[in-house]
Amino acid sequence: MEYEFQRFSLPRTVSRSAVRRLLTDHAEYGGWELARLRLYPDGTRKVELRRRIIRVRPTLQLDVRPRV
């Protein structure tokens, strides 16, 4: 499986409820899941989200040569 990652940090001034709302929106509307959240002693949070990359392969081969 291949994943796409999104990483960002949040300052200590962002409340827990705001972080929860942000992560919920990313999960619900963007298809992201929480891979890692680190809380540092100074209060900053480093967030790592991931979502699965779905590769689509063509299932129908069309012959586009002109008829003669």
PDB file of N, CA and C in Angstrom:
ATOM      1  N   MET A   1       0.829  -1.176   0.000  1.00  0.00           N
ATOM      2  CA  MET A   1       0.000   0.000   0.000  1.00  0.00           C
ATOM      3  C   MET A   1       0.874   1.240   0.000  1.00  0.00           C
ATOM      4  N   GLU A   2       0.448   2.215  -0.756  1.00  0.00           N
ATOM      5  CA  GLU A   2       1.158   3.488  -0.777  1.00  0.00           C
ATOM      6  C   GLU A   2       0.310   4.533  -0.062  1.00  0.00           C
ATOM      7  N   TYR A   3       1.003   5.406   0.652  1.00  0.00           N
ATOM      8  CA  TYR A   3       0.320   6.462   1.377  1.00  0.00           C
ATOM      9  C   TYR A   3       0.852   7.821   0.956  1.00  0.00           C
ATOM     10  N   GLU A   4      -0.016   8.798   1.055  1.00  0.00           N
ATOM     11  CA  GLU A   4       0.342  10.202   0.869  1.00  0.00           C
ATOM     12  C   GLU A   4       0.351  10.801   2.274  1.00  0.00           C
ATOM     13  N   PHE A   5       1.347  11.602   2.580  1.00  0.00           N
ATOM     14  CA  PHE A   5       1.469  12.163   3.922  1.00  0.00           C
ATOM     15  C   PHE A   5       1.328  13.675   3.898  1.00  0.00           C
ATOM     16  N   GLN A   6       0.791  14.198   4.983  1.00  0.00           N
ATOM     17  CA  GLN A   6       0.691  15.640   5.185  1.00  0.00           C
ATOM     18  C   GLN A   6       1.180  15.912   6.603  1.00  0.00           C
ATOM     19  N   ARG A   7       2.166  16.780   6.718  1.00  0.00           N
ATOM     20  CA  ARG A   7       2.742  17.094   8.027  1.00  0.00           C
ATOM     21  C   ARG A   7       2.611  18.590   8.296  1.00  0.00           C
ATOM     22  N   PHE A   8       2.263  18.918   9.523  1.00  0.00           N
ATOM     23  CA  PHE A   8       2.202  20.321   9.920  1.00  0.00           C
ATOM     24  C   PHE A   8       2.343  20.410  11.432  1.00  0.00           C
ATOM     25  N   SER A   9       2.652  21.599  11.894  1.00  0.00           N
ATOM     26  CA  SER A   9       2.782  21.814  13.335  1.00  0.00           C
ATOM     27  C   SER A   9       1.771  22.865  13.769  1.00  0.00           C
ATOM     28  N   LEU A  10       1.347  22.738  15.003  1.00  0.00           N
ATOM     29  CA  LEU A  10       0.368  23.655  15.574  1.00  0.00           C
ATOM     30  C   LEU A  10       0.989  24.323  16.797  1.00  0.00           C
ATOM     31  N   PRO A  11       0.843  25.625  16.926  1.00  0.00           N
ATOM     32  CA  PRO A  11       1.418  26.317  18.081  1.00  0.00           C
ATOM     33  C   PRO A  11       0.657  25.982  19.361  1.00  0.00           C
ATOM     34  N   ARG A  12       1.260  26.296  20.470  1.00  0.00           N
ATOM     35  CA  ARG A  12       0.652  25.989  21.768  1.00  0.00           C
ATOM     36  C   ARG A  12      -0.609  26.793  22.037  1.00  0.00           C
ATOM     37  N   THR A  13      -0.821  27.865  21.285  1.00  0.00           N
ATOM     38  CA  THR A  13      -1.997  28.710  21.494  1.00  0.00           C
ATOM     39  C   THR A  13      -3.281  28.088  20.954  1.00  0.00           C
ATOM     40  N   VAL A  14      -3.175  27.040  20.153  1.00  0.00           N
ATOM     41  CA  VAL A  14      -4.359  26.371  19.604  1.00  0.00           C
ATOM     42  C   VAL A  14      -4.906  25.416  20.662  1.00  0.00           C
ATOM     43  N   SER A  15      -6.194  25.543  20.960  1.00  0.00           N
ATOM     44  CA  SER A  15      -6.794  24.726  22.019  1.00  0.00           C
ATOM     45  C   SER A  15      -6.987  23.280  21.563  1.00  0.00           C
ATOM     46  N   ARG A  16      -7.187  22.398  22.534  1.00  0.00           N
ATOM     47  CA  ARG A  16      -7.410  20.978  22.218  1.00  0.00           C
ATOM     48  C   ARG A  16      -8.666  20.789  21.396  1.00  0.00           C
ATOM     49  N   SER A  17      -9.709  21.547  21.712  1.00  0.00           N
ATOM     50  CA  SER A  17     -10.956  21.402  20.955  1.00  0.00           C
ATOM     51  C   SER A  17     -10.784  21.863  19.513  1.00  0.00           C
ATOM     52  N   ALA A  18      -9.979  22.904  19.292  1.00  0.00           N
ATOM     53  CA  ALA A  18      -9.725  23.369  17.926  1.00  0.00           C
ATOM     54  C   ALA A  18      -8.906  22.342  17.145  1.00  0.00           C
ATOM     55  N   VAL A  19      -7.949  21.715  17.810  1.00  0.00           N
ATOM     56  CA  VAL A  19      -7.148  20.669  17.161  1.00  0.00           C
ATOM     57  C   VAL A  19      -8.036  19.482  16.816  1.00  0.00           C
ATOM     58  N   ARG A  20      -8.892  19.088  17.740  1.00  0.00           N
ATOM     59  CA  ARG A  20      -9.807  17.973  17.489  1.00  0.00           C
ATOM     60  C   ARG A  20     -10.727  18.272  16.311  1.00  0.00           C
ATOM     61  N   ARG A  21     -11.252  19.492  16.252  1.00  0.00           N
ATOM     62  CA  ARG A  21     -12.132  19.893  15.153  1.00  0.00           C
ATOM     63  C   ARG A  21     -11.385  19.876  13.822  1.00  0.00           C
ATOM     64  N   LEU A  22     -10.151  20.374  13.813  1.00  0.00           N
ATOM     65  CA  LEU A  22      -9.327  20.389  12.603  1.00  0.00           C
ATOM     66  C   LEU A  22      -9.051  18.972  12.103  1.00  0.00           C
ATOM     67  N   LEU A  23      -8.657  18.081  13.010  1.00  0.00           N
ATOM     68  CA  LEU A  23      -8.355  16.707  12.624  1.00  0.00           C
ATOM     69  C   LEU A  23      -9.610  15.958  12.182  1.00  0.00           C
ATOM     70  N   THR A  24     -10.727  16.224  12.819  1.00  0.00           N
ATOM     71  CA  THR A  24     -11.989  15.599  12.422  1.00  0.00           C
ATOM     72  C   THR A  24     -12.391  16.031  11.024  1.00  0.00           C
ATOM     73  N   ASP A  25     -12.237  17.311  10.717  1.00  0.00           N
ATOM     74  CA  ASP A  25     -12.569  17.806   9.374  1.00  0.00           C
ATOM     75  C   ASP A  25     -11.673  17.181   8.314  1.00  0.00           C
ATOM     76  N   HIS A  26     -10.387  17.075   8.603  1.00  0.00           N
ATOM     77  CA  HIS A  26      -9.466  16.446   7.648  1.00  0.00           C
ATOM     78  C   HIS A  26      -9.849  14.980   7.409  1.00  0.00           C
ATOM     79  N   ALA A  27     -10.231  14.296   8.467  1.00  0.00           N
ATOM     80  CA  ALA A  27     -10.591  12.883   8.336  1.00  0.00           C
ATOM     81  C   ALA A  27     -11.911  12.714   7.597  1.00  0.00           C
ATOM     82  N   GLU A  28     -12.884  13.542   7.943  1.00  0.00           N
ATOM     83  CA  GLU A  28     -14.216  13.373   7.380  1.00  0.00           C
ATOM     84  C   GLU A  28     -14.306  13.812   5.928  1.00  0.00           C
ATOM     85  N   TYR A  29     -13.705  14.933   5.594  1.00  0.00           N
ATOM     86  CA  TYR A  29     -13.869  15.490   4.256  1.00  0.00           C
ATOM     87  C   TYR A  29     -12.690  15.220   3.331  1.00  0.00           C
ATOM     88  N   GLY A  30     -11.532  14.924   3.873  1.00  0.00           N
ATOM     89  CA  GLY A  30     -10.367  14.705   3.030  1.00  0.00           C
ATOM     90  C   GLY A  30      -9.901  13.265   2.963  1.00  0.00           C
ATOM     91  N   GLY A  31     -10.475  12.415   3.802  1.00  0.00           N
ATOM     92  CA  GLY A  31     -10.069  11.014   3.799  1.00  0.00           C
ATOM     93  C   GLY A  31      -8.749  10.757   4.503  1.00  0.00           C
ATOM     94  N   TRP A  32      -8.301  11.674   5.353  1.00  0.00           N
ATOM     95  CA  TRP A  32      -7.028  11.523   6.056  1.00  0.00           C
ATOM     96  C   TRP A  32      -7.243  10.755   7.346  1.00  0.00           C
ATOM     97  N   GLU A  33      -6.203  10.069   7.790  1.00  0.00           N
ATOM     98  CA  GLU A  33      -6.208   9.433   9.101  1.00  0.00           C
ATOM     99  C   GLU A  33      -4.960   9.875   9.853  1.00  0.00           C
ATOM    100  N   LEU A  34      -5.065   9.883  11.162  1.00  0.00           N
ATOM    101  CA  LEU A  34      -3.965  10.333  11.997  1.00  0.00           C
ATOM    102  C   LEU A  34      -2.898   9.252  12.067  1.00  0.00           C
ATOM    103  N   ALA A  35      -1.710   9.572  11.594  1.00  0.00           N
ATOM    104  CA  ALA A  35      -0.591   8.630  11.647  1.00  0.00           C
ATOM    105  C   ALA A  35       0.227   8.861  12.916  1.00  0.00           C
ATOM    106  N   ARG A  36       0.434  10.121  13.283  1.00  0.00           N
ATOM    107  CA  ARG A  36       1.236  10.437  14.466  1.00  0.00           C
ATOM    108  C   ARG A  36       0.904  11.846  14.946  1.00  0.00           C
ATOM    109  N   LEU A  37       0.834  11.994  16.252  1.00  0.00           N
ATOM    110  CA  LEU A  37       0.694  13.306  16.866  1.00  0.00           C
ATOM    111  C   LEU A  37       1.681  13.355  18.021  1.00  0.00           C
ATOM    112  N   ARG A  38       2.558  14.333  17.984  1.00  0.00           N
ATOM    113  CA  ARG A  38       3.557  14.467  19.048  1.00  0.00           C
ATOM    114  C   ARG A  38       3.324  15.782  19.771  1.00  0.00           C
ATOM    115  N   LEU A  39       3.258  15.720  21.079  1.00  0.00           N
ATOM    116  CA  LEU A  39       3.099  16.896  21.921  1.00  0.00           C
ATOM    117  C   LEU A  39       4.435  17.151  22.604  1.00  0.00           C
ATOM    118  N   TYR A  40       4.995  18.315  22.368  1.00  0.00           N
ATOM    119  CA  TYR A  40       6.314  18.654  22.905  1.00  0.00           C
ATOM    120  C   TYR A  40       6.179  19.412  24.222  1.00  0.00           C
ATOM    121  N   PRO A  41       7.241  19.428  25.031  1.00  0.00           N
ATOM    122  CA  PRO A  41       7.192  20.096  26.340  1.00  0.00           C
ATOM    123  C   PRO A  41       6.831  21.581  26.260  1.00  0.00           C
ATOM    124  N   ASP A  42       7.165  22.235  25.148  1.00  0.00           N
ATOM    125  CA  ASP A  42       6.818  23.657  25.030  1.00  0.00           C
ATOM    126  C   ASP A  42       5.368  23.870  24.595  1.00  0.00           C
ATOM    127  N   GLY A  43       4.616  22.778  24.367  1.00  0.00           N
ATOM    128  CA  GLY A  43       3.198  22.882  24.042  1.00  0.00           C
ATOM    129  C   GLY A  43       2.868  22.781  22.562  1.00  0.00           C
ATOM    130  N   THR A  44       3.865  22.788  21.705  1.00  0.00           N
ATOM    131  CA  THR A  44       3.581  22.670  20.274  1.00  0.00           C
ATOM    132  C   THR A  44       3.244  21.218  19.927  1.00  0.00           C
ATOM    133  N   ARG A  45       2.460  21.068  18.884  1.00  0.00           N
ATOM    134  CA  ARG A  45       2.064  19.741  18.408  1.00  0.00           C
ATOM    135  C   ARG A  45       2.552  19.553  16.984  1.00  0.00           C
ATOM    136  N   LYS A  46       3.139  18.407  16.711  1.00  0.00           N
ATOM    137  CA  LYS A  46       3.511  18.032  15.341  1.00  0.00           C
ATOM    138  C   LYS A  46       2.547  16.933  14.921  1.00  0.00           C
ATOM    139  N   VAL A  47       1.862  17.176  13.814  1.00  0.00           N
ATOM    140  CA  VAL A  47       0.822  16.268  13.347  1.00  0.00           C
ATOM    141  C   VAL A  47       1.261  15.649  12.028  1.00  0.00           C
ATOM    142  N   GLU A  48       1.034  14.364  11.889  1.00  0.00           N
ATOM    143  CA  GLU A  48       1.302  13.664  10.638  1.00  0.00           C
ATOM    144  C   GLU A  48       0.034  12.902  10.255  1.00  0.00           C
ATOM    145  N   LEU A  49      -0.539  13.272   9.116  1.00  0.00           N
ATOM    146  CA  LEU A  49      -1.727  12.609   8.597  1.00  0.00           C
ATOM    147  C   LEU A  49      -1.338  11.780   7.386  1.00  0.00           C
ATOM    148  N   ARG A  50      -2.109  10.750   7.120  1.00  0.00           N
ATOM    149  CA  ARG A  50      -1.848   9.952   5.928  1.00  0.00           C
ATOM    150  C   ARG A  50      -3.174   9.527   5.306  1.00  0.00           C
ATOM    151  N   ARG A  51      -3.117   9.272   3.994  1.00  0.00           N
ATOM    152  CA  ARG A  51      -4.250   8.664   3.311  1.00  0.00           C
ATOM    153  C   ARG A  51      -3.724   7.767   2.212  1.00  0.00           C
ATOM    154  N   ARG A  52      -4.469   6.733   1.941  1.00  0.00           N
ATOM    155  CA  ARG A  52      -4.045   5.730   0.981  1.00  0.00           C
ATOM    156  C   ARG A  52      -4.181   6.261  -0.438  1.00  0.00           C
ATOM    157  N   ILE A  53      -3.171   5.980  -1.254  1.00  0.00           N
ATOM    158  CA  ILE A  53      -3.204   6.335  -2.665  1.00  0.00           C
ATOM    159  C   ILE A  53      -3.796   5.151  -3.407  1.00  0.00           C
ATOM    160  N   ILE A  54      -4.865   5.406  -4.122  1.00  0.00           N
ATOM    161  CA  ILE A  54      -5.526   4.347  -4.875  1.00  0.00           C
ATOM    162  C   ILE A  54      -5.173   4.520  -6.339  1.00  0.00           C
ATOM    163  N   ARG A  55      -4.454   3.558  -6.864  1.00  0.00           N
ATOM    164  CA  ARG A  55      -4.058   3.581  -8.269  1.00  0.00           C
ATOM    165  C   ARG A  55      -5.175   2.961  -9.102  1.00  0.00           C
ATOM    166  N   VAL A  56      -5.589   3.685 -10.131  1.00  0.00           N
ATOM    167  CA  VAL A  56      -6.643   3.194 -11.014  1.00  0.00           C
ATOM    168  C   VAL A  56      -6.012   2.766 -12.322  1.00  0.00           C
ATOM    169  N   ARG A  57      -6.290   1.541 -12.712  1.00  0.00           N
ATOM    170  CA  ARG A  57      -5.777   1.024 -13.976  1.00  0.00           C
ATOM    171  C   ARG A  57      -6.920   0.929 -14.968  1.00  0.00           C
ATOM    172  N   PRO A  58      -6.649   1.254 -16.215  1.00  0.00           N
ATOM    173  CA  PRO A  58      -7.719   1.144 -17.213  1.00  0.00           C
ATOM    174  C   PRO A  58      -8.123  -0.319 -17.406  1.00  0.00           C
ATOM    175  N   THR A  59      -9.418  -0.537 -17.508  1.00  0.00           N
ATOM    176  CA  THR A  59      -9.911  -1.900 -17.678  1.00  0.00           C
ATOM    177  C   THR A  59     -10.398  -2.166 -19.093  1.00  0.00           C
ATOM    178  N   LEU A  60     -10.517  -1.130 -19.891  1.00  0.00           N
ATOM    179  CA  LEU A  60     -11.025  -1.273 -21.243  1.00  0.00           C
ATOM    180  C   LEU A  60     -10.034  -0.653 -22.209  1.00  0.00           C
ATOM    181  N   GLN A  61      -9.551  -1.427 -23.140  1.00  0.00           N
ATOM    182  CA  GLN A  61      -8.625  -0.923 -24.154  1.00  0.00           C
ATOM    183  C   GLN A  61      -9.422  -0.612 -25.416  1.00  0.00           C
ATOM    184  N   LEU A  62      -9.427   0.627 -25.821  1.00  0.00           N
ATOM    185  CA  LEU A  62     -10.145   1.033 -27.025  1.00  0.00           C
ATOM    186  C   LEU A  62      -9.189   1.114 -28.197  1.00  0.00           C
ATOM    187  N   ASP A  63      -9.618   0.630 -29.334  1.00  0.00           N
ATOM    188  CA  ASP A  63      -8.832   0.710 -30.554  1.00  0.00           C
ATOM    189  C   ASP A  63      -9.257   1.986 -31.270  1.00  0.00           C
ATOM    190  N   VAL A  64      -8.378   2.962 -31.345  1.00  0.00           N
ATOM    191  CA  VAL A  64      -8.738   4.268 -31.905  1.00  0.00           C
ATOM    192  C   VAL A  64      -8.199   4.467 -33.317  1.00  0.00           C
ATOM    193  N   ARG A  65      -7.775   3.378 -33.975  1.00  0.00           N
ATOM    194  CA  ARG A  65      -7.302   3.506 -35.355  1.00  0.00           C
ATOM    195  C   ARG A  65      -8.491   3.752 -36.280  1.00  0.00           C
ATOM    196  N   PRO A  66      -8.326   4.621 -37.262  1.00  0.00           N
ATOM    197  CA  PRO A  66      -9.439   4.877 -38.197  1.00  0.00           C
ATOM    198  C   PRO A  66      -9.683   3.674 -39.103  1.00  0.00           C
ATOM    199  N   ARG A  67     -10.931   3.483 -39.433  1.00  0.00           N
ATOM    200  CA  ARG A  67     -11.300   2.387 -40.335  1.00  0.00           C
ATOM    201  C   ARG A  67     -11.014   2.783 -41.770  1.00  0.00           C
ATOM    202  N   VAL A  68     -10.539   1.847 -42.548  1.00  0.00           N
ATOM    203  CA  VAL A  68     -10.225   2.124 -43.961  1.00  0.00           C
ATOM    204  C   VAL A  68     -11.151   1.356 -44.857  1.00  0.00           C
TER     205      VAL A  68
END
